[in-house]
C-alpha atoms as a PDB file:
ATOM      1  CA  UNK A   1       2.897 -66.502 -70.826  1.00  0.00           C
ATOM      2  CA  UNK A   2       0.247 -68.858 -72.238  1.00  0.00           C
ATOM      3  CA  UNK A   3      -2.447 -67.444 -69.980  1.00  0.00           C
ATOM      4  CA  UNK A   4      -1.456 -63.880 -70.927  1.00  0.00           C
ATOM      5  CA  UNK A   5      -1.819 -64.729 -74.610  1.00  0.00           C
ATOM      6  CA  UNK A   6      -5.239 -66.334 -74.094  1.00  0.00           C
ATOM      7  CA  UNK A   7      -6.374 -63.463 -71.888  1.00  0.00           C
ATOM      8  CA  UNK A   8      -5.433 -60.889 -74.535  1.00  0.00           C
ATOM      9  CA  UNK A   9      -6.660 -62.713 -77.645  1.00  0.00           C
ATOM     10  CA  UNK A  10      -9.243 -65.142 -76.215  1.00  0.00           C
ATOM     11  CA  UNK A  11      -8.308 -68.078 -78.458  1.00  0.00           C
ATOM     12  CA  UNK A  12      -5.482 -69.788 -80.267  1.00  0.00           C
ATOM     13  CA  UNK A  13      -5.769 -70.633 -83.964  1.00  0.00           C
ATOM     14  CA  UNK A  14      -2.188 -71.603 -84.827  1.00  0.00           C
ATOM     15  CA  UNK A  15       0.615 -72.938 -82.625  1.00  0.00           C
ATOM     16  CA  UNK A  16       3.917 -72.708 -84.472  1.00  0.00           C
ATOM     17  CA  UNK A  17       7.146 -74.041 -83.009  1.00  0.00           C
ATOM     18  CA  UNK A  18      10.667 -73.796 -84.378  1.00  0.00           C
ATOM     19  CA  UNK A  19      13.333 -76.463 -84.807  1.00  0.00           C
ATOM     20  CA  UNK A  20      17.099 -76.150 -84.953  1.00  0.00           C
ATOM     21  CA  UNK A  21      19.865 -77.877 -86.876  1.00  0.00           C
ATOM     22  CA  UNK A  22      23.329 -78.722 -85.660  1.00  0.00           C
ATOM     23  CA  UNK A  23      26.396 -77.219 -87.285  1.00  0.00           C
ATOM     24  CA  UNK A  24      28.205 -80.531 -86.784  1.00  0.00           C
ATOM     25  CA  UNK A  25      28.029 -83.552 -89.035  1.00  0.00           C
ATOM     26  CA  UNK A  26      26.723 -86.717 -87.436  1.00  0.00           C
ATOM     27  CA  UNK A  27      30.214 -88.231 -87.327  1.00  0.00           C
ATOM     28  CA  UNK A  28      31.605 -85.226 -85.404  1.00  0.00           C
ATOM     29  CA  UNK A  29      28.556 -84.677 -83.156  1.00  0.00           C
ATOM     30  CA  UNK A  30      29.032 -85.395 -79.469  1.00  0.00           C
ATOM     31  CA  UNK A  31      26.286 -86.606 -77.149  1.00  0.00           C
ATOM     32  CA  UNK A  32      25.740 -83.164 -75.569  1.00  0.00           C
ATOM     33  CA  UNK A  33      25.091 -81.589 -78.991  1.00  0.00           C
ATOM     34  CA  UNK A  34      22.736 -84.429 -79.911  1.00  0.00           C
ATOM     35  CA  UNK A  35      20.796 -83.979 -76.657  1.00  0.00           C
ATOM     36  CA  UNK A  36      20.504 -80.211 -77.298  1.00  0.00           C
ATOM     37  CA  UNK A  37      18.991 -80.784 -80.741  1.00  0.00           C
ATOM     38  CA  UNK A  38      16.543 -83.347 -79.334  1.00  0.00           C
ATOM     39  CA  UNK A  39      15.641 -81.175 -76.343  1.00  0.00           C
ATOM     40  CA  UNK A  40      14.723 -78.235 -78.564  1.00  0.00           C
ATOM     41  CA  UNK A  41      13.184 -80.135 -81.470  1.00  0.00           C
ATOM     42  CA  UNK A  42      11.197 -82.717 -79.475  1.00  0.00           C
ATOM     43  CA  UNK A  43      10.816 -81.451 -75.918  1.00  0.00           C
ATOM     44  CA  UNK A  44      10.167 -77.894 -77.118  1.00  0.00           C
ATOM     45  CA  UNK A  45       7.300 -78.974 -79.367  1.00  0.00           C
ATOM     46  CA  UNK A  46       5.874 -81.197 -76.615  1.00  0.00           C
ATOM     47  CA  UNK A  47       6.078 -78.480 -73.945  1.00  0.00           C
ATOM     48  CA  UNK A  48       4.513 -75.765 -76.099  1.00  0.00           C
ATOM     49  CA  UNK A  49       1.736 -78.041 -77.322  1.00  0.00           C
ATOM     50  CA  UNK A  50       1.037 -79.334 -73.805  1.00  0.00           C
ATOM     51  CA  UNK A  51       0.439 -75.792 -72.536  1.00  0.00           C
ATOM     52  CA  UNK A  52      -2.170 -75.003 -75.201  1.00  0.00           C
ATOM     53  CA  UNK A  53      -3.798 -78.344 -76.079  1.00  0.00           C
ATOM     54  CA  UNK A  54      -6.703 -78.067 -73.610  1.00  0.00           C
ATOM     55  CA  UNK A  55      -7.601 -74.605 -74.917  1.00  0.00           C
ATOM     56  CA  UNK A  56      -7.407 -75.801 -78.508  1.00  0.00           C
ATOM     57  CA  UNK A  57      -9.731 -78.736 -77.742  1.00  0.00           C
ATOM     58  CA  UNK A  58     -12.211 -76.487 -75.875  1.00  0.00           C
ATOM     59  CA  UNK A  59     -12.471 -74.249 -78.942  1.00  0.00           C
ATOM     60  CA  UNK A  60     -14.260 -77.152 -80.723  1.00  0.00           C
ATOM     61  CA  UNK A  61     -12.239 -76.650 -83.893  1.00  0.00           C
ATOM     62  CA  UNK A  62      -8.848 -77.402 -82.405  1.00  0.00           C
ATOM     63  CA  UNK A  63      -6.705 -75.046 -84.416  1.00  0.00           C
ATOM     64  CA  UNK A  64      -3.431 -75.955 -86.121  1.00  0.00           C
ATOM     65  CA  UNK A  65      -0.061 -76.971 -84.780  1.00  0.00           C
ATOM     66  CA  UNK A  66       3.021 -76.845 -86.969  1.00  0.00           C
ATOM     67  CA  UNK A  67       6.748 -77.259 -86.470  1.00  0.00           C
ATOM     68  CA  UNK A  68       8.979 -75.247 -88.776  1.00  0.00           C
ATOM     69  CA  UNK A  69      12.443 -76.352 -89.776  1.00  0.00           C
ATOM     70  CA  UNK A  70      15.496 -74.200 -90.023  1.00  0.00           C
ATOM     71  CA  UNK A  71      16.068 -72.350 -93.323  1.00  0.00           C
ATOM     72  CA  UNK A  72      19.269 -74.332 -93.851  1.00  0.00           C
ATOM     73  CA  UNK A  73      17.480 -77.709 -93.797  1.00  0.00           C
ATOM     74  CA  UNK A  74      17.575 -77.655 -97.601  1.00  0.00           C
ATOM     75  CA  UNK A  75      21.281 -76.805 -97.658  1.00  0.00           C
ATOM     76  CA  UNK A  76      22.719 -79.590 -95.527  1.00  0.00           C
ATOM     77  CA  UNK A  77      26.283 -80.742 -95.940  1.00  0.00           C
ATOM     78  CA  UNK A  78      26.966 -84.457 -96.429  1.00  0.00           C
ATOM     79  CA  UNK A  79      26.511 -86.253 -93.105  1.00  0.00           C
ATOM     80  CA  UNK A  80      24.559 -83.404 -91.505  1.00  0.00           C
ATOM     81  CA  UNK A  81      21.177 -84.089 -89.906  1.00  0.00           C
ATOM     82  CA  UNK A  82      18.152 -81.855 -90.535  1.00  0.00           C
ATOM     83  CA  UNK A  83      16.575 -80.024 -87.600  1.00  0.00           C
END
């Protein structure tokens, strides 16, 4: 997929990844739910960035990388963790 994008557009200016939030409060969250949030929010950003970082460096201006939170991050319930 990364190579297809670079082949079609020739460069990458912005790499934007998305985070998730959990519907459970921290007190009610089990380990599997915690691992899912971490896998998407941390591993997802790492994996996407890793695929494109060499291309971004070769472009001499690097480009931008951003990670966007979920729209509900500002509407968390007490005890809930942001994504």
